Amino acid sequence: MGTNMSNRTKTLTLASAALALAVTQASAQTKWNLPSAYPLDNPHVENLNLFAKDVSDATGGKLQIAVHPGASLFKGPEIKRAVATGQAQTGEILISILENENPIFGIDVVPFLATSFPEAKKLWIASKPLIEQKLGAQGMQVLFTVPWGPQGIYAKKDINSIEDMKGLKWRAYNVGTARIGEMVGAQAVTVQAAELPQALATGVVNSFMSSGATGYDSKVWETLTHFYDTRAWIPRNVTFINKAALASLDKPTQDAVLKAAAVAEERGWKLWENKTEWYHDEIKKKGMKVQKPSPELATGFKKIGEQLTADWLKRAGAEGQAVVDAYKKSL
């Protein structure tokens, strides 16, 4: 009887110890939010979900990151502020939407400065210290950056030269796209990615410059007919973290986050290099005319590129010039 009793007590003690451990583990579990402006099936969001899974696996579920796609938690332009103020611990944005705040944030979208993935990587390496310094001053740290596909022009008609763009209702999403619209005599309308399908459907815009991915995500073939693969620039999304949120984690968890971030960056670049042609093939299958720009259009854009690089350098000053010089030296 006595032994039976002590066994039962032992079992109860073990059970309560297990329960206490479960409660401790549950309370030790940290949950973070990661807002993004892009759809669930976009490669950027797929990569963010893999990043979250890697962090969860590496920390034994101690740190859980919930990815919120499609501008569902915060709209694209609100995400940086949400992370800076700690409303979200980490977030992803198209870095060039911050160009009005500081020109360095728009270096990757200076037209025709970097037009291939290897060039875009070198431009990121040259500009990263300054971008990190600017975000760092606002309490944030860069986790990783991932490019989009090269930018081309979507329209509803043949565009053989710059003159053919006059009067188009042109979607702008940053300083550079707005300036291109202005320079070719189009009417620029600012539209974020999440609102683009509606803007196209209602005729608010009838042309825009973006990657094959945005065209595919927006079902562009339902309203437009032509895509010109101008490879004007390779924009980047940056995922960053609130420094205080990162510092609140124990060292092994911090290391797990940074390691998963390095893996996500490498995976993201490979993903987009492979996916660019796939998107072009898909929109072609849907009936879009996918073509290279005519020599005349390419020459016109080269002139615009030179003008916009000069404009950007004027705004960015010595800091910007130093980054462009470092980049050109690395080519």
Protein backbone atom coordinates (compact mmCIF):
# COMPACT_ATOMS: atom_id res chain seq x y z
CA MET A 1 0.00 0.00 0.00
CA GLY A 2 2.75 2.39 1.05
CA THR A 3 4.75 1.73 -2.12
CA ASN A 4 1.67 2.19 -4.28
CA MET A 5 0.99 5.47 -2.56
CA SER A 6 4.52 6.74 -3.04
CA ASN A 7 4.39 5.74 -6.74
CA ARG A 8 1.17 7.65 -7.13
CA THR A 9 2.69 10.66 -5.41
CA LYS A 10 5.72 10.32 -7.68
CA THR A 11 3.44 10.19 -10.76
CA LEU A 12 1.51 13.23 -9.56
CA THR A 13 4.75 15.07 -8.84
CA LEU A 14 6.06 14.20 -12.34
CA ALA A 15 2.76 15.24 -13.90
CA SER A 16 2.76 18.59 -12.14
CA ALA A 17 6.44 19.07 -13.05
CA ALA A 18 5.60 18.34 -16.70
CA LEU A 19 2.66 20.76 -16.50
CA ALA A 20 4.84 23.43 -14.91
CA LEU A 21 7.42 22.91 -17.67
CA ALA A 22 4.73 23.18 -20.35
CA VAL A 23 3.45 26.40 -18.77
CA THR A 24 7.00 27.78 -18.55
CA GLN A 25 7.67 26.84 -22.18
CA ALA A 26 4.40 28.43 -23.28
CA SER A 27 5.19 31.63 -21.42
CA ALA A 28 8.76 31.53 -22.75
CA GLN A 29 7.41 31.36 -26.31
CA THR A 30 7.78 34.71 -28.04
CA LYS A 31 5.42 35.69 -30.86
CA TRP A 32 6.38 38.29 -33.43
CA ASN A 33 4.56 39.87 -36.36
CA LEU A 34 6.11 40.41 -39.79
CA PRO A 35 3.92 42.54 -42.11
CA SER A 36 4.45 42.51 -45.91
CA ALA A 37 2.58 44.32 -48.70
CA TYR A 38 2.68 41.40 -51.15
CA PRO A 39 0.31 38.48 -51.88
CA LEU A 40 0.64 35.09 -50.20
CA ASP A 41 1.90 33.33 -53.36
CA ASN A 42 4.49 36.03 -54.20
CA PRO A 43 8.08 34.69 -53.95
CA HIS A 44 8.94 37.39 -51.39
CA VAL A 45 6.20 36.15 -49.06
CA GLU A 46 7.10 32.49 -49.74
CA ASN A 47 10.65 33.37 -48.69
CA LEU A 48 9.43 35.21 -45.56
CA ASN A 49 7.38 32.15 -44.54
CA LEU A 50 10.47 29.93 -44.98
CA PHE A 51 12.46 32.43 -42.89
CA ALA A 52 9.81 32.23 -40.12
CA LYS A 53 9.89 28.41 -40.28
CA ASP A 54 13.71 28.36 -40.09
CA VAL A 55 13.60 30.58 -36.99
CA SER A 56 10.94 28.41 -35.35
CA ASP A 57 12.88 25.20 -36.15
CA ALA A 58 16.21 26.63 -34.96
CA THR A 59 14.72 27.86 -31.66
CA GLY A 60 12.64 24.75 -30.97
CA GLY A 61 9.47 26.83 -31.37
CA LYS A 62 10.61 29.40 -28.80
CA LEU A 63 10.33 32.26 -31.31
CA GLN A 64 7.30 32.23 -33.61
CA ILE A 65 7.08 34.80 -36.42
CA ALA A 66 3.65 35.33 -38.00
CA VAL A 67 3.91 36.65 -41.56
CA HIS A 68 1.03 38.96 -42.58
CA PRO A 69 0.91 39.19 -46.41
CA GLY A 70 -1.13 41.41 -48.76
CA ALA A 71 -0.89 44.60 -46.66
CA SER A 72 -3.30 42.91 -44.22
CA LEU A 73 -1.66 44.16 -41.00
CA PHE A 74 -0.13 47.44 -42.25
CA LYS A 75 -0.12 48.99 -45.72
CA GLY A 76 3.28 49.09 -47.48
CA PRO A 77 4.08 52.74 -46.65
CA GLU A 78 3.15 52.18 -42.94
CA ILE A 79 5.37 49.14 -42.32
CA LYS A 80 8.66 50.93 -41.56
CA ARG A 81 7.02 53.18 -38.96
CA ALA A 82 5.26 50.18 -37.40
CA VAL A 83 8.62 48.43 -36.91
CA ALA A 84 10.39 51.62 -35.72
CA THR A 85 7.71 52.17 -33.06
CA GLY A 86 7.57 48.49 -32.04
CA GLN A 87 3.99 47.89 -33.27
CA ALA A 88 5.56 45.07 -35.30
CA GLN A 89 8.90 43.53 -34.39
CA THR A 90 10.02 43.03 -37.98
CA GLY A 91 8.69 43.87 -41.44
CA GLU A 92 9.43 43.87 -45.15
CA ILE A 93 9.15 46.78 -47.58
CA LEU A 94 10.19 47.88 -51.01
CA ILE A 95 13.09 50.04 -49.82
CA SER A 96 12.68 52.64 -52.60
CA ILE A 97 9.32 53.82 -51.22
CA LEU A 98 11.46 55.60 -48.59
CA GLU A 99 13.37 57.62 -51.20
CA ASN A 100 11.60 60.88 -50.27
CA GLU A 101 13.00 60.46 -46.77
CA ASN A 102 16.56 59.92 -48.00
CA PRO A 103 17.86 59.44 -51.58
CA ILE A 104 20.08 56.50 -50.56
CA PHE A 105 16.95 54.37 -50.08
CA GLY A 106 16.27 54.76 -53.81
CA ILE A 107 19.69 53.88 -55.20
CA ASP A 108 18.54 50.47 -56.48
CA VAL A 109 15.86 52.11 -58.64
CA VAL A 110 18.07 54.68 -60.37
CA PRO A 111 17.20 53.65 -63.95
CA PHE A 112 19.88 51.74 -65.86
CA LEU A 113 22.47 51.95 -63.05
CA ALA A 114 22.33 48.19 -62.28
CA THR A 115 20.50 46.09 -64.86
CA SER A 116 21.52 42.49 -64.02
CA PHE A 117 21.40 40.41 -60.84
CA PRO A 118 25.23 40.39 -60.38
CA GLU A 119 25.28 44.20 -60.80
CA ALA A 120 22.35 44.59 -58.38
CA LYS A 121 24.22 42.51 -55.76
CA LYS A 122 27.32 44.74 -56.14
CA LEU A 123 25.16 47.87 -55.82
CA TRP A 124 23.66 46.46 -52.59
CA ILE A 125 27.13 45.72 -51.15
CA ALA A 126 28.24 49.30 -51.98
CA SER A 127 25.12 50.93 -50.49
CA LYS A 128 24.47 48.63 -47.51
CA PRO A 129 26.68 50.42 -44.91
CA LEU A 130 24.92 53.75 -45.51
CA ILE A 131 21.43 52.18 -45.58
CA GLU A 132 22.22 50.33 -42.33
CA GLN A 133 23.45 53.57 -40.75
CA LYS A 134 20.22 55.45 -41.71
CA LEU A 135 17.89 52.69 -40.47
CA GLY A 136 20.10 52.14 -37.41
CA ALA A 137 19.61 55.77 -36.36
CA GLN A 138 15.85 55.03 -36.30
CA GLY A 139 16.24 51.96 -34.07
CA MET A 140 16.19 49.33 -36.82
CA GLN A 141 18.60 46.78 -38.22
CA VAL A 142 18.67 45.22 -41.70
CA LEU A 143 18.00 41.48 -41.63
CA PHE A 144 18.17 40.70 -45.34
CA THR A 145 17.44 42.04 -48.80
CA VAL A 146 15.93 40.24 -51.79
CA PRO A 147 15.58 41.62 -55.33
CA TRP A 148 12.57 41.67 -57.61
CA GLY A 149 12.88 40.78 -61.27
CA PRO A 150 14.19 43.42 -63.69
CA GLN A 151 11.68 46.13 -64.59
CA GLY A 152 9.87 46.34 -67.90
CA ILE A 153 6.98 48.36 -69.33
CA TYR A 154 3.37 47.19 -69.47
CA ALA A 155 1.02 48.93 -71.90
CA LYS A 156 -2.01 48.48 -74.14
CA LYS A 157 -0.29 49.49 -77.36
CA ASP A 158 2.97 49.33 -79.30
CA ILE A 159 5.69 51.46 -77.74
CA ASN A 160 8.50 51.83 -80.26
CA SER A 161 9.95 55.07 -78.91
CA ILE A 162 9.71 57.39 -75.92
CA GLU A 163 7.26 59.56 -77.91
CA ASP A 164 4.72 56.68 -77.89
CA MET A 165 4.45 57.03 -74.10
CA LYS A 166 3.07 60.57 -74.21
CA GLY A 167 -0.38 60.81 -72.58
CA LEU A 168 -0.33 57.33 -70.99
CA LYS A 169 -1.95 57.03 -67.53
CA TRP A 170 1.24 55.86 -65.89
CA ARG A 171 1.37 54.09 -62.52
CA ALA A 172 4.12 55.47 -60.28
CA TYR A 173 5.24 53.80 -57.03
CA ASN A 174 8.35 55.80 -56.16
CA VAL A 175 10.35 58.91 -57.14
CA GLY A 176 11.97 57.28 -60.19
CA THR A 177 8.78 55.98 -61.78
CA ALA A 178 7.08 59.34 -61.19
CA ARG A 179 10.02 61.13 -62.88
CA ILE A 180 9.99 58.78 -65.88
CA GLY A 181 6.27 59.51 -66.32
CA GLU A 182 6.99 63.23 -66.17
CA MET A 183 9.89 63.03 -68.66
CA VAL A 184 7.93 61.08 -71.29
CA GLY A 185 4.82 63.25 -70.97
CA ALA A 186 2.63 60.60 -69.28
CA GLN A 187 0.16 61.31 -66.44
CA ALA A 188 1.69 59.76 -63.33
CA VAL A 189 -0.69 58.26 -60.72
CA THR A 190 0.70 56.81 -57.46
CA VAL A 191 -0.64 53.28 -56.89
CA GLN A 192 0.72 50.69 -54.41
CA ALA A 193 1.06 47.03 -55.53
CA ALA A 194 -1.96 45.83 -53.53
CA GLU A 195 -4.22 48.41 -55.28
CA LEU A 196 -2.83 47.88 -58.80
CA PRO A 197 -5.38 45.28 -60.07
CA GLN A 198 -8.26 47.63 -59.20
CA ALA A 199 -6.51 50.66 -60.72
CA LEU A 200 -6.03 48.70 -63.97
CA ALA A 201 -9.61 47.36 -63.99
CA THR A 202 -11.10 50.83 -63.50
CA GLY A 203 -8.77 52.52 -66.01
CA VAL A 204 -7.12 54.75 -63.39
CA VAL A 205 -3.84 53.59 -65.00
CA ASN A 206 -3.20 51.97 -68.39
CA SER A 207 0.57 51.51 -68.23
CA PHE A 208 3.28 50.93 -65.67
CA MET A 209 6.84 49.80 -65.15
CA SER A 210 7.40 46.75 -62.99
CA SER A 211 8.67 43.18 -62.89
CA GLY A 212 7.07 40.13 -64.48
CA ALA A 213 5.98 39.15 -60.97
CA THR A 214 3.84 42.24 -60.36
CA GLY A 215 2.26 41.78 -63.78
CA TYR A 216 1.49 38.16 -62.97
CA ASP A 217 0.19 38.97 -59.44
CA SER A 218 -2.04 41.71 -60.89
CA LYS A 219 -3.41 39.50 -63.74
CA VAL A 220 -2.23 42.25 -66.07
CA TRP A 221 -3.35 40.32 -69.19
CA GLU A 222 -6.98 41.08 -68.24
CA THR A 223 -6.45 44.76 -69.10
CA LEU A 224 -3.14 45.22 -70.94
CA THR A 225 -1.50 43.58 -73.96
CA HIS A 226 2.22 44.44 -74.23
CA PHE A 227 5.29 43.91 -72.05
CA TYR A 228 8.67 45.41 -72.98
CA ASP A 229 11.61 43.77 -71.21
CA THR A 230 13.64 46.97 -70.73
CA ARG A 231 15.56 45.69 -67.65
CA ALA A 232 15.58 49.25 -66.36
CA TRP A 233 16.55 48.41 -62.78
CA ILE A 234 16.26 45.67 -60.18
CA PRO A 235 14.41 46.96 -57.13
CA ARG A 236 14.86 45.36 -53.72
CA ASN A 237 12.76 44.53 -50.74
CA VAL A 238 14.45 44.88 -47.37
CA THR A 239 13.38 42.99 -44.25
CA PHE A 240 14.43 44.78 -41.09
CA ILE A 241 13.96 44.35 -37.38
CA ASN A 242 13.34 46.57 -34.38
CA LYS A 243 16.72 46.64 -32.57
CA ALA A 244 15.13 46.58 -29.10
CA ALA A 245 13.05 43.52 -30.07
CA LEU A 246 16.20 41.73 -31.24
CA ALA A 247 18.10 42.74 -28.09
CA SER A 248 15.27 41.36 -25.90
CA LEU A 249 16.03 37.82 -27.12
CA ASP A 250 18.66 35.60 -25.52
CA LYS A 251 21.92 35.22 -27.45
CA PRO A 252 21.18 31.79 -29.03
CA THR A 253 17.79 33.06 -30.29
CA GLN A 254 19.38 36.25 -31.70
CA ASP A 255 21.95 34.11 -33.50
CA ALA A 256 19.20 31.87 -34.89
CA VAL A 257 17.36 34.92 -36.31
CA LEU A 258 20.52 36.33 -37.95
CA LYS A 259 21.53 32.95 -39.35
CA ALA A 260 18.04 32.38 -40.81
CA ALA A 261 18.20 35.90 -42.29
CA ALA A 262 21.49 35.13 -44.10
CA VAL A 263 19.95 31.93 -45.51
CA ALA A 264 16.80 33.84 -46.58
CA GLU A 265 18.87 36.42 -48.46
CA GLU A 266 20.79 33.80 -50.42
CA ARG A 267 17.64 31.78 -51.13
CA GLY A 268 15.72 34.90 -52.19
CA TRP A 269 18.29 36.00 -54.77
CA LYS A 270 18.42 32.50 -56.32
CA LEU A 271 14.62 32.32 -56.33
CA TRP A 272 14.26 35.55 -58.29
CA GLU A 273 17.00 34.72 -60.77
CA ASN A 274 15.17 31.48 -61.59
CA LYS A 275 11.70 32.98 -61.47
CA THR A 276 12.19 36.00 -63.77
CA GLU A 277 12.01 34.01 -67.02
CA TRP A 278 9.18 31.90 -65.61
CA TYR A 279 7.04 35.03 -65.09
CA HIS A 280 7.78 36.27 -68.60
CA ASP A 281 6.74 32.86 -70.01
CA GLU A 282 3.55 32.83 -67.92
CA ILE A 283 2.35 36.28 -68.99
CA LYS A 284 3.18 35.32 -72.59
CA LYS A 285 1.02 32.16 -72.22
CA LYS A 286 -1.83 34.41 -71.05
CA GLY A 287 -1.63 36.30 -74.35
CA MET A 288 0.71 39.20 -73.54
CA LYS A 289 3.17 40.27 -76.26
CA VAL A 290 6.52 39.96 -74.48
CA GLN A 291 9.32 41.66 -76.40
CA LYS A 292 12.68 43.40 -76.14
CA PRO A 293 12.62 47.20 -76.59
CA SER A 294 13.34 48.56 -80.07
CA PRO A 295 16.80 50.19 -80.50
CA GLU A 296 15.03 53.57 -80.61
CA LEU A 297 13.21 52.94 -77.31
CA ALA A 298 16.41 51.60 -75.70
CA THR A 299 18.33 54.74 -76.79
CA GLY A 300 15.57 56.98 -75.42
CA PHE A 301 15.69 55.18 -72.09
CA LYS A 302 19.48 55.36 -71.93
CA LYS A 303 19.19 59.17 -72.13
CA ILE A 304 16.51 59.17 -69.42
CA GLY A 305 18.77 56.92 -67.31
CA GLU A 306 21.69 59.34 -67.57
CA GLN A 307 19.46 62.27 -66.66
CA LEU A 308 17.93 60.44 -63.68
CA THR A 309 21.35 59.29 -62.38
CA ALA A 310 22.51 62.93 -62.51
CA ASP A 311 19.27 64.03 -60.73
CA TRP A 312 19.74 61.37 -58.06
CA LEU A 313 23.37 62.33 -57.45
CA LYS A 314 22.34 65.97 -57.08
CA ARG A 315 19.88 64.97 -54.34
CA ALA A 316 22.16 62.40 -52.69
CA GLY A 317 25.24 64.64 -52.61
CA ALA A 318 28.71 63.44 -51.59
CA GLU A 319 27.31 60.41 -49.71
CA GLY A 320 25.54 59.19 -52.85
CA GLN A 321 28.50 59.92 -55.10
CA ALA A 322 30.76 57.84 -52.81
CA VAL A 323 28.36 54.86 -53.06
CA VAL A 324 28.09 55.12 -56.88
CA ASP A 325 31.91 55.40 -57.15
CA ALA A 326 32.40 52.33 -54.92
CA TYR A 327 29.83 50.43 -57.00
CA LYS A 328 31.41 51.37 -60.34
CA LYS A 329 34.85 50.37 -59.03
CA SER A 330 33.47 46.92 -58.12
CA LEU A 331 32.15 46.21 -61.65
